[in-house]
Amino acid sequence: MEQIAVAAGVSQSTVSRVLSPGSPNARISAATRDRVMTVAREYRYQPNPLARGLRGASTMLLGVVVGDITDPFSPGFIEALSAAALSRGYNVVLGHARGSAREAVALRSVLETRHCDAIIILGDLREHPRISSELAETGVPIVNLGRGPDSGGISIDVDNRAGIRLIMDHLVGLGHERIAYVGARAYGDFPARRAAYLEYMQLHDLPVPRKYEQRTTNSAAAGAEALRSLCALRPRPTAVMLATDLMAVGALYAAHQAGVTVPRELSVTGFDDLPIAGFTVPPLTTVAMPSVEMASAAVDAAITLVTQQGPLPQRDVRLFQPELVTRDSSDVPASGRGATRRMDPMSTGDGRTASTGGRSISDPTKGATR
């Protein structure tokens, strides 16, 4: 920066204000700013965030720790977080939490106070208690994204209960009464989704026979195995709601293997609206969450925690409203065909979906990107 100042004929403090994101430079003329930037490009100047951290300045880095980077749910949020951070002058350092003590120490060393201004945790880490405690001990402000409403601290999430109600209203409106549910283990968003299903069934006096409600792992293979178990039950459910699209993809595969036609014999729905959801056979009815808006809110919250004065809030939960996406994997139950079709409460009556609840998509290539 000293060399740039000499070459540009300005003071080093002027160079610092021009080259440092967020520095006040209102008193610097456009001509001076352009001259400094031209010289900086000639010198191939690149700011060193770690050096900035060592001298106590903001590094303009946000750490993003992903609970499970292999989950197809993660890449879309990582992309949205990176874009939101970049638009605010920040860059992202990505860490993958896999649970070992050695990895916990390594992750902490990268994301500690001098290296990252704040940390965004994507997904639940309760399976990795060592990493969670290591991150908490850094003293770096932490924002939770998609970790469930009970994660504590600053939390950004989708309204899981509202999403389940959208799916249930859709299925019940089609005439389904034997509705099964497949969820994952009790952490993150899954407890809220399971509770919403059970509450809805009880509220509408719908039975939940033994084994209609299942808990397994969040994987396509687990969804396939759950579907096989449900198809063996008597009476068999006419609709299956799976807690994630990943499990629903496996369920569709298992139904095809078993010769069960979806949706003629069995309706299948998911949750998350992954990019693949519009391209399964048949295209998957699911619930979409506003991932771009949620990521933007998480970045804003992280920056606020970095820049605000005074004590940090102990708890603040912000829930975003989901949207129903109706595709071809759900329809009236086989027993209802030939009778008067029940009105879907989310339907406008002309084949479209009410704007308050979601959208109807017949072409999987349209509307799949939020």
Protein backbone atom coordinates (compact mmCIF):
# COMPACT_ATOMS: atom_id res chain seq x y z
CA MET A 1 0.00 0.00 0.00
CA GLU A 2 2.95 2.32 0.64
CA GLN A 3 4.27 1.65 -2.87
CA ILE A 4 0.83 2.34 -4.36
CA ALA A 5 0.62 5.61 -2.42
CA VAL A 6 3.99 6.78 -3.83
CA ALA A 7 3.11 5.76 -7.39
CA ALA A 8 -0.35 7.36 -7.21
CA GLY A 9 0.91 10.52 -5.52
CA VAL A 10 -1.42 10.22 -2.53
CA SER A 11 -1.12 9.42 1.16
CA GLN A 12 -1.14 5.83 2.43
CA SER A 13 -4.29 6.54 4.42
CA THR A 14 -6.02 7.52 1.16
CA VAL A 15 -4.94 4.24 -0.39
CA SER A 16 -6.24 2.37 2.66
CA ARG A 17 -9.64 4.05 2.43
CA VAL A 18 -9.95 3.32 -1.27
CA LEU A 19 -8.90 -0.33 -1.04
CA SER A 20 -10.61 -1.31 2.21
CA PRO A 21 -14.26 -2.42 1.79
CA GLY A 22 -16.58 -0.46 3.99
CA SER A 23 -14.10 2.37 4.68
CA PRO A 24 -15.52 5.91 4.45
CA ASN A 25 -14.25 7.45 1.21
CA ALA A 26 -16.88 10.09 0.52
CA ARG A 27 -14.23 12.83 0.61
CA ILE A 28 -12.08 11.09 -1.98
CA SER A 29 -12.69 12.36 -5.50
CA ALA A 30 -13.57 9.99 -8.29
CA ALA A 31 -10.35 10.90 -10.11
CA THR A 32 -8.22 10.05 -7.08
CA ARG A 33 -10.07 6.82 -6.50
CA ASP A 34 -9.63 5.79 -10.15
CA ARG A 35 -5.91 6.65 -10.02
CA VAL A 36 -5.36 4.56 -6.91
CA MET A 37 -7.30 1.61 -8.37
CA THR A 38 -5.32 1.79 -11.62
CA VAL A 39 -1.99 1.67 -9.77
CA ALA A 40 -3.28 -1.11 -7.51
CA ARG A 41 -4.11 -3.18 -10.57
CA GLU A 42 -0.67 -2.52 -12.02
CA TYR A 43 0.90 -3.75 -8.76
CA ARG A 44 -1.56 -6.69 -8.68
CA TYR A 45 -2.49 -5.75 -5.15
CA GLN A 46 -4.59 -8.28 -3.25
CA PRO A 47 -5.70 -7.64 0.36
CA ASN A 48 -4.65 -10.36 2.82
CA PRO A 49 -7.60 -11.09 5.13
CA LEU A 50 -5.45 -13.02 7.59
CA ALA A 51 -3.04 -10.11 7.94
CA ARG A 52 -6.02 -7.83 8.52
CA GLY A 53 -7.19 -10.19 11.25
CA LEU A 54 -3.80 -10.14 12.94
CA ARG A 55 -3.94 -6.40 13.32
CA GLY A 56 -7.49 -6.51 14.68
CA ALA A 57 -9.34 -5.33 11.59
CA SER A 58 -12.28 -7.12 9.98
CA THR A 59 -11.15 -9.97 7.71
CA MET A 60 -14.33 -9.68 5.60
CA LEU A 61 -14.58 -13.48 5.80
CA LEU A 62 -17.59 -15.50 6.91
CA GLY A 63 -17.10 -19.13 7.92
CA VAL A 64 -19.77 -21.56 6.73
CA VAL A 65 -19.79 -24.93 8.51
CA VAL A 66 -21.88 -27.61 6.80
CA GLY A 67 -23.22 -30.52 8.83
CA ASP A 68 -23.47 -32.88 5.84
CA ILE A 69 -21.97 -31.69 2.58
CA THR A 70 -23.15 -34.87 0.80
CA ASP A 71 -26.81 -33.96 1.38
CA PRO A 72 -28.22 -32.50 -1.88
CA PHE A 73 -29.92 -29.91 0.35
CA SER A 74 -26.54 -28.24 1.08
CA PRO A 75 -25.15 -27.03 -2.31
CA GLY A 76 -28.02 -24.67 -3.07
CA PHE A 77 -27.66 -22.98 0.30
CA ILE A 78 -23.86 -22.78 -0.01
CA GLU A 79 -24.23 -21.07 -3.38
CA ALA A 80 -26.84 -18.67 -2.01
CA LEU A 81 -24.68 -17.86 1.04
CA SER A 82 -21.63 -17.20 -1.13
CA ALA A 83 -23.59 -14.89 -3.43
CA ALA A 84 -25.15 -13.01 -0.51
CA ALA A 85 -21.78 -12.60 1.20
CA LEU A 86 -20.07 -11.41 -1.99
CA SER A 87 -22.76 -8.81 -2.62
CA ARG A 88 -21.93 -7.35 0.81
CA GLY A 89 -18.16 -7.33 0.30
CA TYR A 90 -17.50 -10.58 2.17
CA ASN A 91 -16.05 -13.93 1.12
CA VAL A 92 -16.87 -17.38 2.46
CA VAL A 93 -14.61 -20.01 4.04
CA LEU A 94 -16.24 -23.44 3.87
CA GLY A 95 -15.80 -26.11 6.52
CA HIS A 96 -17.28 -29.62 6.62
CA ALA A 97 -18.12 -31.06 10.04
CA ARG A 98 -17.54 -34.81 10.13
CA GLY A 99 -17.17 -35.35 13.84
CA SER A 100 -13.64 -36.45 14.76
CA ALA A 101 -11.67 -34.65 17.48
CA ARG A 102 -8.79 -33.94 15.11
CA GLU A 103 -11.13 -32.38 12.54
CA ALA A 104 -12.78 -30.31 15.28
CA VAL A 105 -9.44 -28.76 16.24
CA ALA A 106 -8.52 -28.15 12.59
CA LEU A 107 -11.87 -26.55 11.87
CA ARG A 108 -11.54 -24.30 14.89
CA SER A 109 -8.06 -23.16 13.82
CA VAL A 110 -9.38 -22.06 10.44
CA LEU A 111 -12.54 -20.39 11.72
CA GLU A 112 -11.20 -18.82 14.89
CA THR A 113 -11.64 -15.15 15.71
CA ARG A 114 -8.61 -13.85 13.82
CA HIS A 115 -9.62 -15.58 10.58
CA CYS A 116 -13.39 -15.23 10.30
CA ASP A 117 -15.60 -12.38 11.42
CA ALA A 118 -18.58 -14.70 12.01
CA ILE A 119 -19.68 -18.30 11.46
CA ILE A 120 -22.87 -19.59 9.80
CA ILE A 121 -23.71 -23.20 10.68
CA LEU A 122 -25.78 -24.89 7.96
CA GLY A 123 -27.70 -27.95 9.12
CA ASP A 124 -27.65 -29.62 12.48
CA LEU A 125 -24.43 -30.51 14.35
CA ARG A 126 -25.92 -32.32 17.31
CA GLU A 127 -24.36 -35.51 15.98
CA HIS A 128 -21.00 -33.73 16.26
CA PRO A 129 -20.96 -32.36 19.84
CA ARG A 130 -17.18 -31.88 19.89
CA ILE A 131 -17.27 -29.61 16.86
CA SER A 132 -20.22 -27.65 18.24
CA SER A 133 -18.40 -27.00 21.51
CA GLU A 134 -15.16 -26.08 19.73
CA LEU A 135 -16.97 -23.53 17.57
CA ALA A 136 -18.78 -22.06 20.58
CA GLU A 137 -15.47 -21.63 22.42
CA THR A 138 -13.95 -19.51 19.64
CA GLY A 139 -16.03 -16.52 20.71
CA VAL A 140 -16.88 -15.84 17.05
CA PRO A 141 -20.52 -14.75 16.51
CA ILE A 142 -22.57 -17.71 15.25
CA VAL A 143 -25.74 -17.78 13.14
CA ASN A 144 -27.71 -21.02 12.75
CA LEU A 145 -29.28 -21.76 9.36
CA GLY A 146 -31.66 -24.69 8.86
CA ARG A 147 -30.77 -26.26 12.21
CA GLY A 148 -34.29 -26.40 13.61
CA PRO A 149 -36.10 -23.89 15.86
CA ASP A 150 -34.52 -25.31 19.02
CA SER A 151 -30.90 -24.73 17.99
CA GLY A 152 -30.67 -21.64 20.22
CA GLY A 153 -28.95 -18.34 19.59
CA ILE A 154 -29.60 -16.62 16.26
CA SER A 155 -31.60 -18.99 14.08
CA ILE A 156 -32.84 -18.68 10.50
CA ASP A 157 -35.18 -21.46 9.36
CA VAL A 158 -38.22 -22.38 7.32
CA ASP A 159 -41.55 -22.78 9.08
CA ASN A 160 -41.52 -26.58 9.03
CA ARG A 161 -44.94 -26.94 10.61
CA ALA A 162 -46.52 -24.67 8.00
CA GLY A 163 -44.85 -26.72 5.25
CA ILE A 164 -46.25 -29.99 6.58
CA ARG A 165 -49.69 -28.44 6.87
CA LEU A 166 -49.51 -27.37 3.21
CA ILE A 167 -48.79 -30.94 2.13
CA MET A 168 -51.46 -32.39 4.43
CA ASP A 169 -54.10 -29.93 3.23
CA HIS A 170 -53.21 -30.91 -0.32
CA LEU A 171 -53.45 -34.66 0.30
CA VAL A 172 -56.60 -34.51 2.42
CA GLY A 173 -58.15 -32.19 -0.13
CA LEU A 174 -57.55 -34.84 -2.78
CA GLY A 175 -59.44 -37.34 -0.63
CA HIS A 176 -56.62 -39.20 1.13
CA GLU A 177 -57.20 -40.48 4.66
CA ARG A 178 -54.59 -43.24 4.98
CA ILE A 179 -51.51 -41.03 4.97
CA ALA A 180 -48.17 -42.37 6.15
CA TYR A 181 -45.14 -40.34 7.20
CA VAL A 182 -41.42 -41.11 6.91
CA GLY A 183 -39.02 -38.88 8.84
CA ALA A 184 -35.40 -38.94 9.91
CA ARG A 185 -33.79 -39.04 13.32
CA ALA A 186 -34.85 -36.57 16.00
CA TYR A 187 -32.65 -33.56 15.31
CA GLY A 188 -32.69 -30.42 13.20
CA ASP A 189 -35.92 -29.76 11.33
CA PHE A 190 -37.22 -33.32 11.62
CA PRO A 191 -38.90 -33.17 15.07
CA ALA A 192 -41.03 -30.20 13.99
CA ARG A 193 -42.06 -31.92 10.76
CA ARG A 194 -43.01 -35.13 12.56
CA ALA A 195 -44.93 -33.27 15.27
CA ALA A 196 -46.86 -31.29 12.64
CA TYR A 197 -47.90 -34.51 10.88
CA LEU A 198 -49.11 -36.17 14.08
CA GLU A 199 -50.95 -33.04 15.21
CA TYR A 200 -52.67 -32.69 11.85
CA MET A 201 -53.80 -36.32 11.80
CA GLN A 202 -55.20 -36.02 15.32
CA LEU A 203 -56.90 -32.70 14.61
CA HIS A 204 -58.68 -34.15 11.57
CA ASP A 205 -59.55 -37.48 13.27
CA LEU A 206 -57.42 -39.44 10.82
CA PRO A 207 -55.97 -42.74 12.06
CA VAL A 208 -52.23 -43.41 12.28
CA PRO A 209 -52.06 -47.22 12.29
CA ARG A 210 -48.98 -48.98 13.66
CA LYS A 211 -45.94 -48.50 11.38
CA TYR A 212 -47.61 -45.74 9.36
CA GLU A 213 -45.22 -43.31 11.04
CA GLN A 214 -41.57 -44.28 10.55
CA ARG A 215 -38.23 -42.74 11.47
CA THR A 216 -35.05 -43.66 9.62
CA THR A 217 -31.96 -41.93 8.20
CA ASN A 218 -32.05 -39.11 5.69
CA SER A 219 -31.01 -40.95 2.54
CA ALA A 220 -32.52 -42.23 -0.68
CA ALA A 221 -31.82 -45.81 0.39
CA ALA A 222 -33.68 -45.28 3.68
CA GLY A 223 -36.64 -43.77 1.82
CA ALA A 224 -36.75 -46.78 -0.47
CA GLU A 225 -36.66 -49.23 2.44
CA ALA A 226 -39.41 -47.32 4.27
CA LEU A 227 -41.61 -47.39 1.17
CA ARG A 228 -41.19 -51.15 0.87
CA SER A 229 -42.26 -51.56 4.51
CA LEU A 230 -45.31 -49.35 4.03
CA CYS A 231 -46.38 -51.22 0.88
CA ALA A 232 -46.37 -54.47 2.89
CA LEU A 233 -48.90 -53.11 5.39
CA ARG A 234 -52.60 -53.95 5.28
CA PRO A 235 -54.38 -51.72 4.71
CA ARG A 236 -51.71 -50.00 2.66
CA PRO A 237 -51.55 -46.19 2.82
CA THR A 238 -52.84 -44.30 -0.20
CA ALA A 239 -50.33 -41.47 0.30
CA VAL A 240 -46.85 -41.21 1.79
CA MET A 241 -45.30 -37.96 2.98
CA LEU A 242 -41.51 -38.08 3.29
CA ALA A 243 -39.66 -35.48 5.35
CA THR A 244 -37.12 -34.73 2.59
CA ASP A 245 -36.97 -34.93 -1.20
CA LEU A 246 -33.88 -37.14 -0.85
CA MET A 247 -35.93 -39.83 0.89
CA ALA A 248 -38.81 -39.27 -1.54
CA VAL A 249 -36.53 -40.00 -4.51
CA GLY A 250 -35.71 -43.36 -2.95
CA ALA A 251 -39.42 -44.00 -2.31
CA LEU A 252 -40.27 -43.36 -5.96
CA TYR A 253 -37.57 -45.81 -7.01
CA ALA A 254 -38.84 -48.48 -4.61
CA ALA A 255 -42.42 -47.99 -5.80
CA HIS A 256 -41.30 -48.50 -9.40
CA GLN A 257 -39.41 -51.65 -8.42
CA ALA A 258 -42.46 -53.01 -6.61
CA GLY A 259 -44.78 -52.28 -9.52
CA VAL A 260 -46.75 -49.68 -7.53
CA THR A 261 -47.90 -46.92 -9.86
CA VAL A 262 -47.42 -43.36 -8.59
CA PRO A 263 -49.77 -41.54 -8.20
CA ARG A 264 -52.50 -43.93 -9.42
CA GLU A 265 -51.99 -46.42 -6.59
CA LEU A 266 -49.93 -44.29 -4.20
CA SER A 267 -49.27 -40.57 -3.87
CA VAL A 268 -45.73 -39.60 -2.81
CA THR A 269 -44.63 -36.18 -1.55
CA GLY A 270 -41.39 -34.67 -0.26
CA PHE A 271 -40.02 -31.55 1.36
CA ASP A 272 -37.25 -29.11 0.22
CA ASP A 273 -37.91 -28.84 -3.56
CA LEU A 274 -34.42 -29.94 -4.58
CA PRO A 275 -33.50 -29.26 -8.24
CA ILE A 276 -34.01 -32.97 -9.00
CA ALA A 277 -37.60 -32.90 -7.71
CA GLY A 278 -38.94 -31.63 -11.03
CA PHE A 279 -37.19 -34.39 -12.97
CA THR A 280 -38.14 -37.55 -11.06
CA VAL A 281 -40.63 -39.95 -12.60
CA PRO A 282 -43.22 -38.73 -11.98
CA PRO A 283 -42.18 -35.18 -11.00
CA LEU A 284 -42.38 -34.80 -7.22
CA THR A 285 -44.98 -32.81 -5.30
CA THR A 286 -43.07 -31.11 -2.50
CA VAL A 287 -42.60 -28.03 -0.34
CA ALA A 288 -40.20 -25.29 -1.40
CA MET A 289 -38.33 -23.10 1.02
CA PRO A 290 -37.05 -19.61 0.07
CA SER A 291 -33.37 -20.59 0.24
CA VAL A 292 -32.06 -17.37 -1.34
CA GLU A 293 -33.98 -15.19 1.10
CA MET A 294 -32.98 -17.39 4.05
CA ALA A 295 -29.30 -17.29 3.07
CA SER A 296 -29.45 -13.52 2.66
CA ALA A 297 -31.02 -13.16 6.11
CA ALA A 298 -28.31 -15.38 7.64
CA VAL A 299 -25.53 -13.28 6.09
CA ASP A 300 -27.20 -10.05 7.23
CA ALA A 301 -27.54 -11.44 10.75
CA ALA A 302 -23.88 -12.49 10.81
CA ILE A 303 -22.70 -9.06 9.66
CA THR A 304 -24.98 -7.37 12.20
CA LEU A 305 -23.45 -9.46 14.99
CA VAL A 306 -19.99 -8.39 13.84
CA THR A 307 -20.71 -4.69 13.58
CA GLN A 308 -23.18 -3.99 16.38
CA GLN A 309 -22.12 -2.55 19.69
CA GLY A 310 -23.12 -4.00 23.06
CA PRO A 311 -24.10 -7.54 24.14
CA LEU A 312 -25.23 -10.05 21.53
CA PRO A 313 -28.82 -11.34 21.65
CA GLN A 314 -29.15 -14.67 23.43
CA ARG A 315 -31.95 -15.97 21.22
CA ASP A 316 -33.64 -14.76 18.05
CA VAL A 317 -35.59 -17.11 15.74
CA ARG A 318 -36.77 -15.99 12.31
CA LEU A 319 -38.99 -18.36 10.31
CA PHE A 320 -39.60 -18.08 6.57
CA GLN A 321 -42.82 -19.25 4.96
CA PRO A 322 -42.66 -22.29 2.65
CA GLU A 323 -44.54 -22.81 -0.59
CA LEU A 324 -46.43 -25.85 -1.90
CA VAL A 325 -45.26 -27.11 -5.30
CA THR A 326 -47.80 -29.52 -6.83
CA ARG A 327 -46.49 -31.86 -9.51
CA ASP A 328 -47.54 -35.27 -10.84
CA SER A 329 -46.66 -37.55 -7.90
CA SER A 330 -49.90 -36.77 -6.05
CA ASP A 331 -53.50 -37.35 -7.13
CA VAL A 332 -56.84 -38.57 -5.80
CA PRO A 333 -56.72 -42.05 -4.24
CA ALA A 334 -57.70 -44.97 -6.45
CA SER A 335 -60.88 -45.52 -4.40
CA GLY A 336 -61.98 -41.97 -5.16
CA ARG A 337 -61.78 -42.21 -8.94
CA GLY A 338 -65.14 -42.24 -10.58
CA ALA A 339 -66.65 -40.40 -7.61
CA THR A 340 -66.90 -36.67 -7.15
CA ARG A 341 -63.39 -35.35 -6.72
CA ARG A 342 -62.87 -33.54 -3.43
CA MET A 343 -61.70 -29.97 -3.73
CA ASP A 344 -58.09 -29.37 -2.76
CA PRO A 345 -58.31 -26.52 -0.18
CA MET A 346 -55.28 -24.94 -1.85
CA SER A 347 -56.89 -25.10 -5.31
CA THR A 348 -58.68 -22.29 -7.11
CA GLY A 349 -60.97 -24.82 -8.78
CA ASP A 350 -59.58 -24.39 -12.30
CA GLY A 351 -56.43 -26.49 -12.00
CA ARG A 352 -54.27 -23.70 -10.67
CA THR A 353 -52.88 -23.42 -7.14
CA ALA A 354 -53.91 -20.58 -4.87
CA SER A 355 -51.26 -17.88 -4.50
CA THR A 356 -51.47 -18.07 -0.72
CA GLY A 357 -50.29 -21.68 -0.60
CA GLY A 358 -48.08 -22.55 -3.53
CA ARG A 359 -47.82 -23.11 -7.24
CA SER A 360 -48.80 -25.88 -9.63
CA ILE A 361 -46.07 -27.03 -11.99
CA SER A 362 -46.77 -29.32 -14.92
CA ASP A 363 -43.49 -28.66 -16.78
CA PRO A 364 -40.62 -29.68 -14.46
CA THR A 365 -38.26 -27.26 -16.19
CA LYS A 366 -40.41 -24.28 -15.27
CA GLY A 367 -40.58 -22.78 -11.81
CA ALA A 368 -38.10 -25.23 -10.36
CA THR A 369 -35.61 -22.50 -9.49
CA ARG A 370 -36.58 -20.28 -6.58
